PDB file of N, CA and C in Angstrom:
ATOM      1  N   UNK A   1      40.857 -61.884 241.856  1.00  0.00           N
ATOM      2  CA  UNK A   1      41.260 -63.240 242.107  1.00  0.00           C
ATOM      3  C   UNK A   1      42.420 -63.613 241.550  1.00  0.00           C
ATOM      4  N   UNK A   2      43.199 -64.548 242.221  1.00  0.00           N
ATOM      5  CA  UNK A   2      44.468 -65.007 241.686  1.00  0.00           C
ATOM      6  C   UNK A   2      44.354 -65.794 240.254  1.00  0.00           C
ATOM      7  N   UNK A   3      43.022 -66.362 240.163  1.00  0.00           N
ATOM      8  CA  UNK A   3      42.902 -67.145 238.769  1.00  0.00           C
ATOM      9  C   UNK A   3      42.437 -66.120 237.683  1.00  0.00           C
ATOM     10  N   UNK A   4      41.877 -65.322 238.108  1.00  0.00           N
ATOM     11  CA  UNK A   4      41.419 -64.486 236.750  1.00  0.00           C
ATOM     12  C   UNK A   4      41.347 -62.873 237.132  1.00  0.00           C
ATOM     13  N   UNK A   5      42.154 -61.904 236.694  1.00  0.00           N
ATOM     14  CA  UNK A   5      42.251 -60.628 237.014  1.00  0.00           C
ATOM     15  C   UNK A   5      40.945 -59.869 236.746  1.00  0.00           C
ATOM     16  N   UNK A   6      39.985 -60.532 236.127  1.00  0.00           N
ATOM     17  CA  UNK A   6      38.667 -59.760 235.794  1.00  0.00           C
ATOM     18  C   UNK A   6      37.594 -60.419 236.857  1.00  0.00           C
ATOM     19  N   UNK A   7      38.025 -61.073 237.812  1.00  0.00           N
ATOM     20  CA  UNK A   7      37.013 -61.557 238.735  1.00  0.00           C
ATOM     21  C   UNK A   7      37.414 -60.958 240.170  1.00  0.00           C
ATOM     22  N   UNK A   8      36.406 -60.353 240.670  1.00  0.00           N
ATOM     23  CA  UNK A   8      36.486 -59.891 241.905  1.00  0.00           C
ATOM     24  C   UNK A   8      35.641 -60.518 243.120  1.00  0.00           C
ATOM     25  N   UNK A   9      36.159 -60.794 244.169  1.00  0.00           N
ATOM     26  CA  UNK A   9      35.362 -61.550 245.209  1.00  0.00           C
ATOM     27  C   UNK A   9      35.337 -60.808 246.458  1.00  0.00           C
ATOM     28  N   UNK A  10      34.281 -60.568 247.162  1.00  0.00           N
ATOM     29  CA  UNK A  10      34.067 -60.008 248.224  1.00  0.00           C
ATOM     30  C   UNK A  10      33.402 -60.655 249.354  1.00  0.00           C
ATOM     31  N   UNK A  11      34.191 -60.972 250.244  1.00  0.00           N
ATOM     32  CA  UNK A  11      33.783 -62.031 251.308  1.00  0.00           C
ATOM     33  C   UNK A  11      33.448 -60.957 252.704  1.00  0.00           C
ATOM     34  N   UNK A  12      32.129 -61.472 253.212  1.00  0.00           N
ATOM     35  CA  UNK A  12      31.565 -60.611 254.367  1.00  0.00           C
ATOM     36  C   UNK A  12      30.990 -61.790 255.308  1.00  0.00           C
ATOM     37  N   UNK A  13      30.692 -61.254 256.478  1.00  0.00           N
ATOM     38  CA  UNK A  13      30.137 -62.343 257.319  1.00  0.00           C
ATOM     39  C   UNK A  13      28.410 -62.743 256.707  1.00  0.00           C
ATOM     40  N   UNK A  14      27.771 -61.724 255.872  1.00  0.00           N
ATOM     41  CA  UNK A  14      26.501 -61.892 255.368  1.00  0.00           C
ATOM     42  C   UNK A  14      26.669 -62.846 254.042  1.00  0.00           C
ATOM     43  N   UNK A  15      27.760 -63.007 253.706  1.00  0.00           N
ATOM     44  CA  UNK A  15      28.002 -63.773 252.396  1.00  0.00           C
ATOM     45  C   UNK A  15      29.115 -63.631 251.310  1.00  0.00           C
ATOM     46  N   UNK A  16      29.010 -63.883 250.270  1.00  0.00           N
ATOM     47  CA  UNK A  16      29.972 -63.824 249.117  1.00  0.00           C
ATOM     48  C   UNK A  16      29.361 -63.024 248.082  1.00  0.00           C
ATOM     49  N   UNK A  17      30.230 -62.038 247.572  1.00  0.00           N
ATOM     50  CA  UNK A  17      29.658 -61.155 246.300  1.00  0.00           C
ATOM     51  C   UNK A  17      30.587 -61.579 245.257  1.00  0.00           C
ATOM     52  N   UNK A  18      30.495 -61.602 244.001  1.00  0.00           N
ATOM     53  CA  UNK A  18      31.201 -61.877 242.910  1.00  0.00           C
ATOM     54  C   UNK A  18      30.896 -60.988 241.693  1.00  0.00           C
ATOM     55  N   UNK A  19      32.212 -60.088 241.202  1.00  0.00           N
ATOM     56  CA  UNK A  19      31.944 -59.221 240.251  1.00  0.00           C
ATOM     57  C   UNK A  19      32.662 -59.958 239.042  1.00  0.00           C
ATOM     58  N   UNK A  20      32.226 -60.191 237.882  1.00  0.00           N
ATOM     59  CA  UNK A  20      32.909 -60.472 236.679  1.00  0.00           C
ATOM     60  C   UNK A  20      32.908 -59.502 235.635  1.00  0.00           C
ATOM     61  N   UNK A  21      34.094 -59.084 235.042  1.00  0.00           N
ATOM     62  CA  UNK A  21      34.120 -58.001 234.067  1.00  0.00           C
ATOM     63  C   UNK A  21      34.660 -58.700 232.748  1.00  0.00           C
ATOM     64  N   UNK A  22      33.957 -58.558 231.684  1.00  0.00           N
ATOM     65  CA  UNK A  22      34.345 -58.931 230.468  1.00  0.00           C
ATOM     66  C   UNK A  22      34.246 -57.738 229.570  1.00  0.00           C
ATOM     67  N   UNK A  23      35.188 -57.020 228.981  1.00  0.00           N
ATOM     68  CA  UNK A  23      34.984 -55.970 228.184  1.00  0.00           C
ATOM     69  C   UNK A  23      34.131 -54.804 228.600  1.00  0.00           C
ATOM     70  N   UNK A  24      32.935 -54.784 228.179  1.00  0.00           N
ATOM     71  CA  UNK A  24      32.044 -53.665 228.795  1.00  0.00           C
ATOM     72  C   UNK A  24      30.661 -54.518 229.279  1.00  0.00           C
ATOM     73  N   UNK A  25      30.918 -55.597 229.598  1.00  0.00           N
ATOM     74  CA  UNK A  25      29.818 -56.382 230.334  1.00  0.00           C
ATOM     75  C   UNK A  25      30.309 -56.783 231.621  1.00  0.00           C
ATOM     76  N   UNK A  26      29.411 -56.830 232.544  1.00  0.00           N
ATOM     77  CA  UNK A  26      29.686 -57.144 233.960  1.00  0.00           C
ATOM     78  C   UNK A  26      28.389 -58.084 234.638  1.00  0.00           C
ATOM     79  N   UNK A  27      28.868 -58.995 235.492  1.00  0.00           N
ATOM     80  CA  UNK A  27      27.992 -59.814 236.210  1.00  0.00           C
ATOM     81  C   UNK A  27      28.207 -59.635 237.387  1.00  0.00           C
ATOM     82  N   UNK A  28      27.037 -59.123 238.450  1.00  0.00           N
ATOM     83  CA  UNK A  28      27.168 -59.263 239.771  1.00  0.00           C
ATOM     84  C   UNK A  28      26.333 -60.165 240.386  1.00  0.00           C
ATOM     85  N   UNK A  29      26.953 -60.994 241.333  1.00  0.00           N
ATOM     86  CA  UNK A  29      26.128 -62.169 241.989  1.00  0.00           C
ATOM     87  C   UNK A  29      26.556 -62.374 243.301  1.00  0.00           C
ATOM     88  N   UNK A  30      25.782 -62.878 244.091  1.00  0.00           N
ATOM     89  CA  UNK A  30      26.031 -63.321 245.407  1.00  0.00           C
ATOM     90  C   UNK A  30      25.064 -63.697 246.425  1.00  0.00           C
ATOM     91  N   UNK A  31      25.256 -63.686 247.539  1.00  0.00           N
ATOM     92  CA  UNK A  31      24.321 -64.279 248.657  1.00  0.00           C
ATOM     93  C   UNK A  31      23.675 -62.908 249.351  1.00  0.00           C
ATOM     94  N   UNK A  32      24.102 -61.848 249.106  1.00  0.00           N
ATOM     95  CA  UNK A  32      23.632 -60.673 249.963  1.00  0.00           C
ATOM     96  C   UNK A  32      22.875 -59.426 248.985  1.00  0.00           C
ATOM     97  N   UNK A  33      21.674 -59.686 248.675  1.00  0.00           N
ATOM     98  CA  UNK A  33      20.997 -58.739 247.638  1.00  0.00           C
ATOM     99  C   UNK A  33      21.382 -57.231 248.074  1.00  0.00           C
ATOM    100  N   UNK A  34      21.255 -57.034 249.348  1.00  0.00           N
ATOM    101  CA  UNK A  34      21.597 -55.594 249.835  1.00  0.00           C
ATOM    102  C   UNK A  34      22.847 -54.994 249.416  1.00  0.00           C
ATOM    103  N   UNK A  35      23.886 -55.959 249.715  1.00  0.00           N
ATOM    104  CA  UNK A  35      25.295 -55.451 249.275  1.00  0.00           C
ATOM    105  C   UNK A  35      25.445 -55.513 247.780  1.00  0.00           C
ATOM    106  N   UNK A  36      24.873 -56.287 246.806  1.00  0.00           N
ATOM    107  CA  UNK A  36      24.784 -56.222 245.417  1.00  0.00           C
ATOM    108  C   UNK A  36      24.124 -54.891 245.150  1.00  0.00           C
ATOM    109  N   UNK A  37      23.171 -54.509 245.643  1.00  0.00           N
ATOM    110  CA  UNK A  37      22.574 -53.065 245.233  1.00  0.00           C
ATOM    111  C   UNK A  37      23.393 -52.049 245.589  1.00  0.00           C
ATOM    112  N   UNK A  38      23.891 -52.229 246.961  1.00  0.00           N
ATOM    113  CA  UNK A  38      25.051 -51.217 247.208  1.00  0.00           C
ATOM    114  C   UNK A  38      26.207 -51.058 246.188  1.00  0.00           C
ATOM    115  N   UNK A  39      26.786 -52.114 245.823  1.00  0.00           N
ATOM    116  CA  UNK A  39      27.926 -52.098 244.803  1.00  0.00           C
ATOM    117  C   UNK A  39      27.363 -51.396 243.303  1.00  0.00           C
ATOM    118  N   UNK A  40      26.071 -51.893 243.068  1.00  0.00           N
ATOM    119  CA  UNK A  40      25.754 -51.317 241.859  1.00  0.00           C
ATOM    120  C   UNK A  40      25.453 -49.877 241.833  1.00  0.00           C
ATOM    121  N   UNK A  41      24.927 -49.351 243.043  1.00  0.00           N
ATOM    122  CA  UNK A  41      24.678 -47.731 243.249  1.00  0.00           C
ATOM    123  C   UNK A  41      26.044 -47.108 243.187  1.00  0.00           C
ATOM    124  N   UNK A  42      27.217 -47.921 243.892  1.00  0.00           N
ATOM    125  CA  UNK A  42      28.438 -47.035 243.956  1.00  0.00           C
ATOM    126  C   UNK A  42      28.999 -47.033 242.532  1.00  0.00           C
ATOM    127  N   UNK A  43      28.959 -48.208 241.676  1.00  0.00           N
ATOM    128  CA  UNK A  43      29.336 -48.127 240.366  1.00  0.00           C
ATOM    129  C   UNK A  43      28.752 -47.240 239.392  1.00  0.00           C
ATOM    130  N   UNK A  44      27.266 -47.093 239.640  1.00  0.00           N
ATOM    131  CA  UNK A  44      26.433 -46.236 238.660  1.00  0.00           C
ATOM    132  C   UNK A  44      26.945 -44.755 239.103  1.00  0.00           C
ATOM    133  N   UNK A  45      27.488 -44.346 240.137  1.00  0.00           N
ATOM    134  CA  UNK A  45      27.882 -43.007 240.535  1.00  0.00           C
ATOM    135  C   UNK A  45      29.083 -42.598 239.606  1.00  0.00           C
ATOM    136  N   UNK A  46      29.761 -43.706 239.273  1.00  0.00           N
ATOM    137  CA  UNK A  46      31.124 -43.526 238.504  1.00  0.00           C
ATOM    138  C   UNK A  46      31.097 -43.868 237.211  1.00  0.00           C
ATOM    139  N   UNK A  47      30.215 -44.666 236.565  1.00  0.00           N
ATOM    140  CA  UNK A  47      30.050 -45.135 235.144  1.00  0.00           C
ATOM    141  C   UNK A  47      28.616 -45.137 234.767  1.00  0.00           C
ATOM    142  N   UNK A  48      28.494 -45.032 233.452  1.00  0.00           N
ATOM    143  CA  UNK A  48      27.237 -45.074 232.754  1.00  0.00           C
ATOM    144  C   UNK A  48      26.968 -46.517 232.655  1.00  0.00           C
ATOM    145  N   UNK A  49      25.850 -46.892 233.287  1.00  0.00           N
ATOM    146  CA  UNK A  49      25.524 -48.343 233.439  1.00  0.00           C
ATOM    147  C   UNK A  49      24.056 -48.591 233.112  1.00  0.00           C
ATOM    148  N   UNK A  50      23.839 -49.691 232.478  1.00  0.00           N
ATOM    149  CA  UNK A  50      22.339 -50.390 232.505  1.00  0.00           C
ATOM    150  C   UNK A  50      22.345 -51.572 232.949  1.00  0.00           C
ATOM    151  N   UNK A  51      21.297 -51.745 233.843  1.00  0.00           N
ATOM    152  CA  UNK A  51      20.994 -52.845 234.787  1.00  0.00           C
ATOM    153  C   UNK A  51      19.885 -53.813 233.799  1.00  0.00           C
ATOM    154  N   UNK A  52      20.319 -54.817 233.267  1.00  0.00           N
ATOM    155  CA  UNK A  52      19.644 -55.566 232.401  1.00  0.00           C
ATOM    156  C   UNK A  52      18.767 -56.681 233.191  1.00  0.00           C
ATOM    157  N   UNK A  53      18.794 -56.668 234.547  1.00  0.00           N
ATOM    158  CA  UNK A  53      17.968 -57.540 235.180  1.00  0.00           C
ATOM    159  C   UNK A  53      18.838 -59.011 235.303  1.00  0.00           C
ATOM    160  N   UNK A  54      17.797 -59.887 235.552  1.00  0.00           N
ATOM    161  CA  UNK A  54      18.562 -61.246 235.877  1.00  0.00           C
ATOM    162  C   UNK A  54      19.314 -61.861 234.777  1.00  0.00           C
ATOM    163  N   UNK A  55      20.370 -62.519 234.989  1.00  0.00           N
ATOM    164  CA  UNK A  55      21.387 -62.851 234.099  1.00  0.00           C
ATOM    165  C   UNK A  55      20.615 -64.049 233.265  1.00  0.00           C
ATOM    166  N   UNK A  56      20.503 -63.840 231.875  1.00  0.00           N
ATOM    167  CA  UNK A  56      19.777 -64.992 231.121  1.00  0.00           C
ATOM    168  C   UNK A  56      20.883 -65.441 230.096  1.00  0.00           C
ATOM    169  N   UNK A  57      21.895 -64.601 229.587  1.00  0.00           N
ATOM    170  CA  UNK A  57      22.852 -65.097 228.698  1.00  0.00           C
ATOM    171  C   UNK A  57      24.240 -64.244 228.947  1.00  0.00           C
ATOM    172  N   UNK A  58      25.426 -64.923 228.921  1.00  0.00           N
ATOM    173  CA  UNK A  58      26.586 -64.007 229.137  1.00  0.00           C
ATOM    174  C   UNK A  58      27.509 -64.727 228.167  1.00  0.00           C
ATOM    175  N   UNK A  59      28.122 -63.895 227.280  1.00  0.00           N
ATOM    176  CA  UNK A  59      29.185 -64.390 226.227  1.00  0.00           C
ATOM    177  C   UNK A  59      28.471 -65.734 225.507  1.00  0.00           C
ATOM    178  N   UNK A  60      27.399 -65.538 225.126  1.00  0.00           N
ATOM    179  CA  UNK A  60      26.759 -66.696 224.427  1.00  0.00           C
ATOM    180  C   UNK A  60      26.495 -67.869 225.031  1.00  0.00           C
ATOM    181  N   UNK A  61      26.583 -67.780 226.568  1.00  0.00           N
ATOM    182  CA  UNK A  61      26.234 -68.933 227.184  1.00  0.00           C
ATOM    183  C   UNK A  61      24.839 -68.830 227.750  1.00  0.00           C
ATOM    184  N   UNK A  62      23.819 -69.568 227.733  1.00  0.00           N
ATOM    185  CA  UNK A  62      22.710 -69.486 228.318  1.00  0.00           C
ATOM    186  C   UNK A  62      22.763 -69.735 229.846  1.00  0.00           C
ATOM    187  N   UNK A  63      22.225 -68.871 230.770  1.00  0.00           N
ATOM    188  CA  UNK A  63      22.249 -69.265 232.222  1.00  0.00           C
ATOM    189  C   UNK A  63      20.976 -69.454 232.694  1.00  0.00           C
ATOM    190  N   UNK A  64      20.727 -70.345 233.704  1.00  0.00           N
ATOM    191  CA  UNK A  64      19.413 -70.459 234.394  1.00  0.00           C
ATOM    192  C   UNK A  64      19.638 -70.643 235.754  1.00  0.00           C
ATOM    193  N   UNK A  65      18.660 -70.349 236.625  1.00  0.00           N
ATOM    194  CA  UNK A  65      18.587 -70.315 237.943  1.00  0.00           C
ATOM    195  C   UNK A  65      18.213 -71.781 238.450  1.00  0.00           C
ATOM    196  N   UNK A  66      18.814 -72.115 239.583  1.00  0.00           N
ATOM    197  CA  UNK A  66      18.306 -73.462 239.948  1.00  0.00           C
ATOM    198  C   UNK A  66      17.512 -73.575 241.353  1.00  0.00           C
ATOM    199  N   UNK A  67      17.274 -72.140 241.912  1.00  0.00           N
ATOM    200  CA  UNK A  67      16.670 -72.121 243.201  1.00  0.00           C
ATOM    201  C   UNK A  67      15.267 -71.269 242.897  1.00  0.00           C
TER     202      UNK A  67
END
């Protein structure tokens, strides 16, 4: 992103996927669950990762879903 070098945005006909990095934490979100699974699989091939499930807290901020 031109606004934040730690924010990566992927646009496709199926939707938008956002990947946000902060030190050793990562948030992946978007409109296409299949593409999110693809990104997570490719990253886990290169890096030791743990999937902590749905986002609840990030950087001390509580996150809740509205859908």
